Amino acid sequence: MPRTATRHRKTAETNIDLTIDLDGSGNSRISTGVGFFDHMLTLFSRHGLFDLNLTAVGDLHVDSHHTVEDTGIVIGEAMKEALGTKEGIRRYGCCYLPMDETLARVVVDLSNRPHLEFRADPATPSAPNFPFSLVEEFCRAIASNLRANIHVELLYGRDGHHIAEAIFKGLARALRDACEKDPRVTGIPSTKEAL
């Protein structure tokens, strides 16, 4: 059974269309109007092996906050739908992701209990034209709408581009592992028999 989902979300601030295939090969078509965010989402798709088609039109005359947050909301909702009952999945994922001088750790539990723990120095540098705070907002939107427990920690780094890239790639790899089907898992991977 294909693990795919399609989502459309329109508000006064954004208009987003998305399709995702959790069992893809990392192909993507991304257009958000925010060049750096497009780059990060392309990496997210490629390293998560999620096929992702995404078009977002947002109020970029204000800033890119609504576009980034709402895109995270839609991706989280779509991933939750595509996972279905979560039968047979690994549930947990962890990734240490190096990017030159940067090292990030991302850990995921598809627990149906949304929580984001995001640990980075408040003085962490931003990538050019992309505030570092938006990396956290994207992760929070994913966690809340996928209903996942996600821990992100920037262990060290100096370059804002590398820092954001390590987190996006680490999130992709951890989610890929958590979403993956494990042939040894029977039913729901919980002693409660529900997630």
N, C-alpha and C. Protein backbone atom coordinates (compact mmCIF):
# COMPACT_ATOMS: atom_id res chain seq x y z
N MET A 1 0.85 -1.19 0.00
CA MET A 1 0.00 0.00 0.00
C MET A 1 0.89 1.24 0.00
N PRO A 2 0.68 2.15 -0.94
CA PRO A 2 1.54 3.33 -1.02
C PRO A 2 1.37 4.24 0.20
N ARG A 3 2.49 4.76 0.67
CA ARG A 3 2.46 5.68 1.81
C ARG A 3 2.66 7.09 1.27
N THR A 4 1.58 7.63 0.76
CA THR A 4 1.60 8.94 0.12
C THR A 4 0.49 9.82 0.70
N ALA A 5 0.62 11.10 0.49
CA ALA A 5 -0.43 12.03 0.91
C ALA A 5 -0.34 13.30 0.06
N THR A 6 -1.48 13.91 -0.10
CA THR A 6 -1.58 15.20 -0.81
C THR A 6 -2.27 16.18 0.11
N ARG A 7 -1.77 17.39 0.15
CA ARG A 7 -2.33 18.41 1.03
C ARG A 7 -2.44 19.74 0.31
N HIS A 8 -3.51 20.45 0.60
CA HIS A 8 -3.67 21.85 0.17
C HIS A 8 -4.07 22.66 1.39
N ARG A 9 -3.37 23.74 1.63
CA ARG A 9 -3.68 24.60 2.77
C ARG A 9 -3.61 26.05 2.31
N LYS A 10 -4.73 26.74 2.51
CA LYS A 10 -4.77 28.15 2.12
C LYS A 10 -5.24 28.98 3.29
N THR A 11 -4.47 30.01 3.60
CA THR A 11 -4.84 30.97 4.64
C THR A 11 -4.68 32.37 4.05
N ALA A 12 -4.91 33.37 4.87
CA ALA A 12 -4.70 34.75 4.42
C ALA A 12 -3.21 35.05 4.22
N GLU A 13 -2.34 34.15 4.72
CA GLU A 13 -0.90 34.39 4.67
C GLU A 13 -0.16 33.51 3.67
N THR A 14 -0.68 32.29 3.44
CA THR A 14 0.01 31.36 2.54
C THR A 14 -0.98 30.51 1.76
N ASN A 15 -0.51 29.98 0.64
CA ASN A 15 -1.27 29.05 -0.19
C ASN A 15 -0.30 27.93 -0.59
N ILE A 16 -0.53 26.72 -0.06
CA ILE A 16 0.45 25.65 -0.19
C ILE A 16 -0.19 24.40 -0.78
N ASP A 17 0.48 23.83 -1.78
CA ASP A 17 0.11 22.53 -2.35
C ASP A 17 1.29 21.59 -2.20
N LEU A 18 1.01 20.37 -1.74
CA LEU A 18 2.09 19.41 -1.46
C LEU A 18 1.64 17.99 -1.73
N THR A 19 2.55 17.20 -2.28
CA THR A 19 2.40 15.75 -2.29
C THR A 19 3.70 15.15 -1.78
N ILE A 20 3.58 14.06 -1.04
CA ILE A 20 4.76 13.39 -0.49
C ILE A 20 4.60 11.89 -0.60
N ASP A 21 5.71 11.22 -0.88
CA ASP A 21 5.77 9.76 -0.91
C ASP A 21 6.90 9.37 0.04
N LEU A 22 6.55 8.72 1.15
CA LEU A 22 7.56 8.35 2.14
C LEU A 22 8.51 7.28 1.63
N ASP A 23 8.11 6.53 0.62
CA ASP A 23 8.93 5.45 0.08
C ASP A 23 9.49 5.81 -1.29
N GLY A 24 9.84 7.06 -1.44
CA GLY A 24 10.36 7.53 -2.71
C GLY A 24 11.86 7.33 -2.84
N SER A 25 12.45 8.13 -3.72
CA SER A 25 13.90 8.04 -3.97
C SER A 25 14.58 9.39 -3.79
N GLY A 26 13.87 10.34 -3.20
CA GLY A 26 14.47 11.65 -2.94
C GLY A 26 14.30 12.66 -4.05
N ASN A 27 13.34 12.40 -4.96
CA ASN A 27 13.07 13.37 -6.03
C ASN A 27 12.19 14.49 -5.50
N SER A 28 12.43 15.70 -5.97
CA SER A 28 11.64 16.83 -5.48
C SER A 28 11.47 17.89 -6.55
N ARG A 29 10.37 18.61 -6.41
CA ARG A 29 10.13 19.87 -7.13
C ARG A 29 9.64 20.84 -6.08
N ILE A 30 10.45 21.84 -5.78
CA ILE A 30 10.20 22.75 -4.66
C ILE A 30 10.16 24.17 -5.16
N SER A 31 9.13 24.93 -4.76
CA SER A 31 9.07 26.35 -5.06
C SER A 31 8.32 27.06 -3.93
N THR A 32 9.09 27.80 -3.12
CA THR A 32 8.47 28.54 -2.01
C THR A 32 8.67 30.04 -2.13
N GLY A 33 9.50 30.46 -3.08
CA GLY A 33 9.82 31.88 -3.18
C GLY A 33 10.96 32.30 -2.27
N VAL A 34 11.44 31.37 -1.45
CA VAL A 34 12.56 31.64 -0.54
C VAL A 34 13.70 30.70 -0.96
N GLY A 35 14.68 31.24 -1.65
CA GLY A 35 15.71 30.42 -2.26
C GLY A 35 16.42 29.49 -1.30
N PHE A 36 16.83 29.99 -0.15
CA PHE A 36 17.55 29.16 0.80
C PHE A 36 16.65 28.06 1.34
N PHE A 37 15.38 28.37 1.59
CA PHE A 37 14.44 27.37 2.08
C PHE A 37 14.21 26.29 1.02
N ASP A 38 14.12 26.68 -0.24
CA ASP A 38 14.01 25.69 -1.33
C ASP A 38 15.20 24.73 -1.29
N HIS A 39 16.39 25.29 -1.07
CA HIS A 39 17.61 24.47 -0.99
C HIS A 39 17.51 23.49 0.18
N MET A 40 17.06 23.97 1.34
CA MET A 40 16.95 23.11 2.52
C MET A 40 15.92 22.01 2.31
N LEU A 41 14.79 22.34 1.68
CA LEU A 41 13.74 21.33 1.45
C LEU A 41 14.18 20.31 0.40
N THR A 42 14.97 20.74 -0.57
CA THR A 42 15.51 19.80 -1.55
C THR A 42 16.44 18.81 -0.85
N LEU A 43 17.26 19.30 0.08
CA LEU A 43 18.12 18.42 0.87
C LEU A 43 17.29 17.49 1.75
N PHE A 44 16.24 18.04 2.36
CA PHE A 44 15.33 17.25 3.21
C PHE A 44 14.75 16.08 2.42
N SER A 45 14.28 16.36 1.21
CA SER A 45 13.73 15.32 0.35
C SER A 45 14.78 14.29 -0.03
N ARG A 46 15.93 14.77 -0.47
CA ARG A 46 16.98 13.88 -0.96
C ARG A 46 17.52 12.94 0.12
N HIS A 47 17.78 13.50 1.31
CA HIS A 47 18.40 12.70 2.36
C HIS A 47 17.38 11.88 3.16
N GLY A 48 16.11 12.27 3.09
CA GLY A 48 15.06 11.46 3.69
C GLY A 48 14.52 10.40 2.75
N LEU A 49 14.91 10.50 1.47
CA LEU A 49 14.37 9.65 0.40
C LEU A 49 12.85 9.79 0.30
N PHE A 50 12.38 11.01 0.57
CA PHE A 50 10.97 11.34 0.40
C PHE A 50 10.82 12.03 -0.95
N ASP A 51 9.90 11.55 -1.79
CA ASP A 51 9.56 12.30 -3.00
C ASP A 51 8.63 13.43 -2.57
N LEU A 52 8.99 14.65 -2.92
CA LEU A 52 8.29 15.82 -2.41
C LEU A 52 8.06 16.82 -3.53
N ASN A 53 6.79 17.09 -3.80
CA ASN A 53 6.40 18.16 -4.71
C ASN A 53 5.70 19.23 -3.88
N LEU A 54 6.23 20.44 -3.93
CA LEU A 54 5.75 21.49 -3.04
C LEU A 54 5.77 22.84 -3.74
N THR A 55 4.62 23.50 -3.69
CA THR A 55 4.52 24.88 -4.14
C THR A 55 3.91 25.69 -3.02
N ALA A 56 4.59 26.75 -2.64
CA ALA A 56 4.08 27.63 -1.58
C ALA A 56 4.16 29.07 -2.04
N VAL A 57 3.07 29.77 -1.90
CA VAL A 57 3.02 31.20 -2.18
C VAL A 57 2.66 31.88 -0.88
N GLY A 58 3.56 32.72 -0.38
CA GLY A 58 3.33 33.34 0.92
C GLY A 58 3.51 34.84 0.88
N ASP A 59 3.27 35.45 2.02
CA ASP A 59 3.34 36.91 2.14
C ASP A 59 4.80 37.35 2.38
N LEU A 60 5.61 37.12 1.36
CA LEU A 60 7.03 37.40 1.47
C LEU A 60 7.33 38.90 1.54
N HIS A 61 6.34 39.73 1.23
CA HIS A 61 6.53 41.18 1.41
C HIS A 61 6.60 41.52 2.90
N VAL A 62 6.08 40.61 3.76
CA VAL A 62 6.21 40.79 5.22
C VAL A 62 7.56 40.23 5.64
N ASP A 63 7.73 38.93 5.52
CA ASP A 63 8.99 38.21 5.69
C ASP A 63 8.70 36.75 5.35
N SER A 64 9.66 35.86 5.60
CA SER A 64 9.46 34.47 5.20
C SER A 64 8.94 33.59 6.33
N HIS A 65 8.62 34.17 7.48
CA HIS A 65 8.21 33.38 8.64
C HIS A 65 6.97 32.52 8.35
N HIS A 66 5.91 33.13 7.83
CA HIS A 66 4.67 32.38 7.60
C HIS A 66 4.87 31.28 6.57
N THR A 67 5.66 31.55 5.54
CA THR A 67 5.90 30.55 4.50
C THR A 67 6.62 29.33 5.09
N VAL A 68 7.65 29.58 5.90
CA VAL A 68 8.42 28.49 6.49
C VAL A 68 7.58 27.70 7.49
N GLU A 69 6.91 28.41 8.39
CA GLU A 69 6.10 27.73 9.41
C GLU A 69 4.96 26.93 8.79
N ASP A 70 4.23 27.55 7.87
CA ASP A 70 3.09 26.86 7.26
C ASP A 70 3.52 25.68 6.40
N THR A 71 4.67 25.78 5.76
CA THR A 71 5.20 24.65 5.01
C THR A 71 5.50 23.49 5.95
N GLY A 72 6.08 23.79 7.11
CA GLY A 72 6.32 22.75 8.11
C GLY A 72 5.03 22.11 8.58
N ILE A 73 3.99 22.92 8.76
CA ILE A 73 2.69 22.40 9.17
C ILE A 73 2.18 21.39 8.13
N VAL A 74 2.23 21.78 6.87
CA VAL A 74 1.69 20.93 5.81
C VAL A 74 2.53 19.65 5.64
N ILE A 75 3.85 19.76 5.72
CA ILE A 75 4.69 18.56 5.62
C ILE A 75 4.38 17.62 6.78
N GLY A 76 4.27 18.17 7.99
CA GLY A 76 3.95 17.33 9.16
C GLY A 76 2.62 16.63 9.02
N GLU A 77 1.59 17.37 8.58
CA GLU A 77 0.26 16.77 8.38
C GLU A 77 0.30 15.66 7.33
N ALA A 78 1.00 15.94 6.23
CA ALA A 78 1.05 14.97 5.14
C ALA A 78 1.81 13.71 5.55
N MET A 79 2.92 13.88 6.28
CA MET A 79 3.66 12.71 6.74
C MET A 79 2.82 11.87 7.70
N LYS A 80 2.09 12.54 8.58
CA LYS A 80 1.22 11.82 9.52
C LYS A 80 0.18 10.99 8.77
N GLU A 81 -0.44 11.60 7.76
CA GLU A 81 -1.44 10.87 6.96
C GLU A 81 -0.80 9.70 6.23
N ALA A 82 0.37 9.94 5.62
CA ALA A 82 1.02 8.89 4.84
C ALA A 82 1.45 7.71 5.71
N LEU A 83 1.76 7.96 6.98
CA LEU A 83 2.16 6.88 7.89
C LEU A 83 0.98 5.98 8.28
N GLY A 84 -0.23 6.48 8.13
CA GLY A 84 -1.41 5.68 8.45
C GLY A 84 -1.42 5.22 9.89
N THR A 85 -1.59 3.92 10.10
CA THR A 85 -1.66 3.38 11.46
C THR A 85 -0.28 3.21 12.10
N LYS A 86 0.78 3.39 11.32
CA LYS A 86 2.18 3.23 11.76
C LYS A 86 2.56 1.77 12.02
N GLU A 87 1.74 0.86 11.55
CA GLU A 87 2.08 -0.56 11.72
C GLU A 87 3.38 -0.89 10.99
N GLY A 88 4.26 -1.58 11.68
CA GLY A 88 5.48 -2.08 11.07
C GLY A 88 6.62 -1.08 10.93
N ILE A 89 6.45 0.14 11.43
CA ILE A 89 7.53 1.12 11.28
C ILE A 89 8.56 0.95 12.40
N ARG A 90 9.73 1.52 12.17
CA ARG A 90 10.78 1.49 13.20
C ARG A 90 10.46 2.41 14.37
N ARG A 91 9.74 3.48 14.12
CA ARG A 91 9.28 4.45 15.11
C ARG A 91 10.36 5.44 15.56
N TYR A 92 11.56 4.96 15.82
CA TYR A 92 12.64 5.82 16.31
C TYR A 92 13.67 6.07 15.21
N GLY A 93 14.26 7.25 15.25
CA GLY A 93 15.35 7.56 14.34
C GLY A 93 16.32 8.50 15.00
N CYS A 94 17.60 8.36 14.66
CA CYS A 94 18.64 9.20 15.24
C CYS A 94 19.70 9.47 14.18
N CYS A 95 20.19 10.70 14.15
CA CYS A 95 21.24 11.03 13.20
C CYS A 95 22.19 12.06 13.79
N TYR A 96 23.47 11.75 13.75
CA TYR A 96 24.52 12.74 13.94
C TYR A 96 24.93 13.18 12.55
N LEU A 97 24.83 14.49 12.27
CA LEU A 97 25.08 14.94 10.91
C LEU A 97 26.21 15.98 10.91
N PRO A 98 27.35 15.64 10.31
CA PRO A 98 28.43 16.62 10.18
C PRO A 98 28.28 17.43 8.90
N MET A 99 28.62 18.69 8.98
CA MET A 99 28.67 19.55 7.80
C MET A 99 29.87 20.47 7.98
N ASP A 100 31.00 20.05 7.42
CA ASP A 100 32.27 20.75 7.62
C ASP A 100 32.54 20.95 9.12
N GLU A 101 32.57 22.18 9.61
CA GLU A 101 32.92 22.43 11.01
C GLU A 101 31.74 22.23 11.97
N THR A 102 30.59 21.89 11.44
CA THR A 102 29.35 21.81 12.22
C THR A 102 28.98 20.35 12.50
N LEU A 103 28.41 20.12 13.69
CA LEU A 103 27.86 18.81 14.02
C LEU A 103 26.53 19.00 14.72
N ALA A 104 25.49 18.38 14.18
CA ALA A 104 24.15 18.44 14.77
C ALA A 104 23.67 17.03 15.07
N ARG A 105 22.84 16.93 16.09
CA ARG A 105 22.21 15.65 16.44
C ARG A 105 20.70 15.83 16.41
N VAL A 106 20.02 14.91 15.73
CA VAL A 106 18.56 14.94 15.67
C VAL A 106 18.05 13.55 16.02
N VAL A 107 17.10 13.50 16.96
CA VAL A 107 16.51 12.24 17.41
C VAL A 107 14.99 12.36 17.32
N VAL A 108 14.35 11.33 16.79
CA VAL A 108 12.91 11.36 16.52
C VAL A 108 12.22 10.14 17.12
N ASP A 109 11.06 10.37 17.70
CA ASP A 109 10.15 9.29 18.11
C ASP A 109 8.77 9.62 17.55
N LEU A 110 8.25 8.76 16.70
CA LEU A 110 6.91 8.97 16.12
C LEU A 110 5.87 8.47 17.11
N SER A 111 5.81 9.12 18.24
CA SER A 111 5.09 8.65 19.42
C SER A 111 3.63 9.08 19.48
N ASN A 112 3.23 10.01 18.61
CA ASN A 112 1.92 10.65 18.68
C ASN A 112 1.83 11.60 19.88
N ARG A 113 2.98 11.93 20.47
CA ARG A 113 3.05 12.92 21.55
C ARG A 113 3.96 14.04 21.06
N PRO A 114 3.39 15.12 20.54
CA PRO A 114 4.22 16.17 19.94
C PRO A 114 5.05 16.93 20.97
N HIS A 115 6.33 17.03 20.67
CA HIS A 115 7.22 17.84 21.51
C HIS A 115 8.47 18.14 20.70
N LEU A 116 8.92 19.39 20.78
CA LEU A 116 10.21 19.76 20.19
C LEU A 116 11.12 20.24 21.28
N GLU A 117 12.28 19.63 21.37
CA GLU A 117 13.36 20.11 22.23
C GLU A 117 14.46 20.60 21.29
N PHE A 118 14.67 21.90 21.25
CA PHE A 118 15.60 22.51 20.29
C PHE A 118 16.68 23.24 21.09
N ARG A 119 17.90 22.71 21.04
CA ARG A 119 18.97 23.27 21.85
C ARG A 119 20.08 23.82 20.96
N ALA A 120 20.19 25.14 21.01
CA ALA A 120 21.25 25.84 20.27
C ALA A 120 21.50 27.15 20.99
N ASP A 121 22.72 27.60 20.95
CA ASP A 121 23.08 28.87 21.56
C ASP A 121 22.25 29.99 20.95
N PRO A 122 21.69 30.89 21.78
CA PRO A 122 20.91 32.00 21.23
C PRO A 122 21.71 32.86 20.24
N ALA A 123 23.02 32.82 20.34
CA ALA A 123 23.86 33.62 19.44
C ALA A 123 24.26 32.84 18.18
N THR A 124 23.62 31.70 17.92
CA THR A 124 23.94 30.91 16.73
C THR A 124 23.77 31.77 15.47
N PRO A 125 24.75 31.79 14.59
CA PRO A 125 24.64 32.64 13.40
C PRO A 125 23.59 32.13 12.42
N SER A 126 23.00 33.06 11.71
CA SER A 126 22.02 32.74 10.67
C SER A 126 22.72 32.56 9.34
N ALA A 127 22.09 31.81 8.46
CA ALA A 127 22.54 31.78 7.07
C ALA A 127 22.17 33.13 6.44
N PRO A 128 22.86 33.54 5.39
CA PRO A 128 22.48 34.78 4.73
C PRO A 128 21.02 34.73 4.26
N ASN A 129 20.26 35.74 4.60
CA ASN A 129 18.86 35.88 4.15
C ASN A 129 17.92 34.82 4.73
N PHE A 130 18.34 34.13 5.81
CA PHE A 130 17.46 33.13 6.41
C PHE A 130 17.75 33.07 7.91
N PRO A 131 16.91 33.74 8.73
CA PRO A 131 17.15 33.78 10.17
C PRO A 131 17.19 32.38 10.77
N PHE A 132 18.14 32.15 11.67
CA PHE A 132 18.26 30.84 12.31
C PHE A 132 17.00 30.46 13.07
N SER A 133 16.28 31.45 13.59
CA SER A 133 15.04 31.18 14.33
C SER A 133 14.03 30.42 13.47
N LEU A 134 14.10 30.59 12.14
CA LEU A 134 13.15 29.89 11.26
C LEU A 134 13.45 28.40 11.17
N VAL A 135 14.69 28.01 11.41
CA VAL A 135 15.02 26.57 11.45
C VAL A 135 14.25 25.92 12.60
N GLU A 136 14.25 26.59 13.75
CA GLU A 136 13.50 26.07 14.90
C GLU A 136 12.00 26.07 14.62
N GLU A 137 11.48 27.14 14.00
CA GLU A 137 10.05 27.20 13.70
C GLU A 137 9.63 26.07 12.77
N PHE A 138 10.46 25.76 11.78
CA PHE A 138 10.15 24.66 10.87
C PHE A 138 10.11 23.34 11.64
N CYS A 139 11.09 23.10 12.49
CA CYS A 139 11.13 21.86 13.27
C CYS A 139 9.93 21.76 14.21
N ARG A 140 9.55 22.89 14.80
CA ARG A 140 8.38 22.89 15.71
C ARG A 140 7.10 22.56 14.95
N ALA A 141 6.96 23.12 13.76
CA ALA A 141 5.75 22.85 12.96
C ALA A 141 5.69 21.38 12.56
N ILE A 142 6.83 20.81 12.19
CA ILE A 142 6.87 19.38 11.87
C ILE A 142 6.46 18.56 13.09
N ALA A 143 7.10 18.82 14.23
CA ALA A 143 6.83 18.04 15.44
C ALA A 143 5.36 18.12 15.84
N SER A 144 4.79 19.31 15.80
CA SER A 144 3.41 19.51 16.25
C SER A 144 2.41 18.81 15.34
N ASN A 145 2.65 18.86 14.03
CA ASN A 145 1.66 18.34 13.09
C ASN A 145 1.88 16.90 12.67
N LEU A 146 3.11 16.42 12.77
CA LEU A 146 3.38 14.99 12.63
C LEU A 146 3.08 14.27 13.94
N ARG A 147 2.95 15.04 15.00
CA ARG A 147 2.76 14.53 16.35
C ARG A 147 3.92 13.62 16.72
N ALA A 148 5.11 14.21 16.61
CA ALA A 148 6.35 13.49 16.88
C ALA A 148 7.12 14.18 18.00
N ASN A 149 7.92 13.40 18.69
CA ASN A 149 8.85 13.91 19.68
C ASN A 149 10.19 14.07 18.97
N ILE A 150 10.63 15.32 18.82
CA ILE A 150 11.85 15.60 18.07
C ILE A 150 12.82 16.40 18.95
N HIS A 151 14.03 15.89 19.04
CA HIS A 151 15.09 16.58 19.76
C HIS A 151 16.16 16.99 18.77
N VAL A 152 16.46 18.28 18.75
CA VAL A 152 17.49 18.82 17.87
C VAL A 152 18.52 19.50 18.75
N GLU A 153 19.78 19.16 18.55
CA GLU A 153 20.84 19.82 19.31
C GLU A 153 21.99 20.17 18.38
N LEU A 154 22.33 21.45 18.37
CA LEU A 154 23.52 21.89 17.66
C LEU A 154 24.70 21.69 18.60
N LEU A 155 25.54 20.71 18.30
CA LEU A 155 26.66 20.41 19.18
C LEU A 155 27.77 21.45 19.03
N TYR A 156 28.04 21.84 17.78
CA TYR A 156 28.94 22.96 17.54
C TYR A 156 28.86 23.34 16.07
N GLY A 157 29.34 24.54 15.77
CA GLY A 157 29.33 25.04 14.40
C GLY A 157 29.56 26.54 14.39
N ARG A 158 30.02 27.05 13.25
CA ARG A 158 30.30 28.48 13.14
C ARG A 158 29.59 29.12 11.95
N ASP A 159 29.42 28.40 10.86
CA ASP A 159 28.86 28.95 9.64
C ASP A 159 27.35 28.74 9.62
N GLY A 160 26.58 29.81 9.48
CA GLY A 160 25.12 29.73 9.54
C GLY A 160 24.52 28.82 8.49
N HIS A 161 25.07 28.84 7.28
CA HIS A 161 24.58 27.95 6.22
C HIS A 161 24.81 26.50 6.60
N HIS A 162 26.01 26.19 7.06
CA HIS A 162 26.32 24.81 7.44
C HIS A 162 25.46 24.33 8.60
N ILE A 163 25.20 25.22 9.54
CA ILE A 163 24.39 24.86 10.71
C ILE A 163 22.97 24.49 10.29
N ALA A 164 22.34 25.35 9.49
CA ALA A 164 20.98 25.06 9.02
C ALA A 164 20.97 23.77 8.20
N GLU A 165 21.96 23.60 7.35
CA GLU A 165 22.00 22.41 6.49
C GLU A 165 22.16 21.14 7.30
N ALA A 166 23.01 21.17 8.33
CA ALA A 166 23.19 19.99 9.17
C ALA A 166 21.90 19.61 9.86
N ILE A 167 21.13 20.60 10.31
CA ILE A 167 19.87 20.31 11.01
C ILE A 167 18.82 19.77 10.04
N PHE A 168 18.68 20.38 8.88
CA PHE A 168 17.69 19.90 7.91
C PHE A 168 18.03 18.47 7.45
N LYS A 169 19.31 18.23 7.15
CA LYS A 169 19.70 16.89 6.72
C LYS A 169 19.55 15.88 7.86
N GLY A 170 19.93 16.28 9.06
CA GLY A 170 19.80 15.39 10.21
C GLY A 170 18.35 15.04 10.49
N LEU A 171 17.47 16.04 10.37
CA LEU A 171 16.04 15.78 10.54
C LEU A 171 15.54 14.80 9.49
N ALA A 172 15.96 15.00 8.26
CA ALA A 172 15.55 14.11 7.17
C ALA A 172 15.99 12.67 7.44
N ARG A 173 17.24 12.49 7.83
CA ARG A 173 17.76 11.13 8.06
C ARG A 173 17.10 10.46 9.26
N ALA A 174 16.87 11.23 10.32
CA ALA A 174 16.21 10.65 11.50
C ALA A 174 14.77 10.27 11.17
N LEU A 175 14.06 11.12 10.43
CA LEU A 175 12.68 10.80 10.04
C LEU A 175 12.65 9.62 9.07
N ARG A 176 13.61 9.57 8.17
CA ARG A 176 13.68 8.43 7.25
C ARG A 176 13.77 7.11 8.02
N ASP A 177 14.66 7.07 9.01
CA ASP A 177 14.82 5.85 9.81
C ASP A 177 13.54 5.53 10.59
N ALA A 178 12.93 6.56 11.19
CA ALA A 178 11.74 6.34 12.01
C ALA A 178 10.55 5.88 11.17
N CYS A 179 10.43 6.39 9.95
CA CYS A 179 9.30 6.05 9.07
C CYS A 179 9.49 4.70 8.37
N GLU A 180 10.72 4.23 8.33
CA GLU A 180 11.02 3.03 7.55
C GLU A 180 10.30 1.80 8.09
N LYS A 181 9.87 0.96 7.19
CA LYS A 181 9.27 -0.32 7.58
C LYS A 181 10.35 -1.29 8.02
N ASP A 182 10.10 -1.97 9.13
CA ASP A 182 11.03 -2.98 9.64
C ASP A 182 10.34 -4.33 9.53
N PRO A 183 10.88 -5.25 8.74
CA PRO A 183 10.20 -6.54 8.54
C PRO A 183 10.06 -7.35 9.83
N ARG A 184 10.83 -7.01 10.86
CA ARG A 184 10.74 -7.76 12.12
C ARG A 184 9.65 -7.21 13.04
N VAL A 185 9.12 -6.03 12.72
CA VAL A 185 8.09 -5.42 13.57
C VAL A 185 6.72 -5.92 13.14
N THR A 186 5.97 -6.42 14.10
CA THR A 186 4.60 -6.85 13.84
C THR A 186 3.65 -5.88 14.51
N GLY A 187 2.73 -5.33 13.74
CA GLY A 187 1.74 -4.42 14.30
C GLY A 187 2.35 -3.07 14.67
N ILE A 188 1.77 -2.46 15.70
CA ILE A 188 2.18 -1.14 16.16
C ILE A 188 3.40 -1.28 17.08
N PRO A 189 4.45 -0.51 16.86
CA PRO A 189 5.65 -0.65 17.69
C PRO A 189 5.51 0.06 19.04
N SER A 190 4.62 -0.49 19.87
CA SER A 190 4.38 0.05 21.22
C SER A 190 3.73 -1.03 22.06
N THR A 191 4.12 -1.12 23.32
CA THR A 191 3.48 -2.08 24.22
C THR A 191 2.03 -1.69 24.50
N LYS A 192 1.69 -0.42 24.23
CA LYS A 192 0.30 0.01 24.39
C LYS A 192 -0.56 -0.39 23.21
N GLU A 193 0.12 -0.85 22.11
CA GLU A 193 -0.54 -1.26 20.88
C GLU A 193 -1.29 -0.11 20.22
N ALA A 194 -0.82 1.10 20.49
CA ALA A 194 -1.38 2.28 19.85
C ALA A 194 -0.35 3.39 19.89
N LEU A 195 -0.32 4.20 18.83
CA LEU A 195 0.53 5.38 18.79
C LEU A 195 -0.33 6.56 18.37
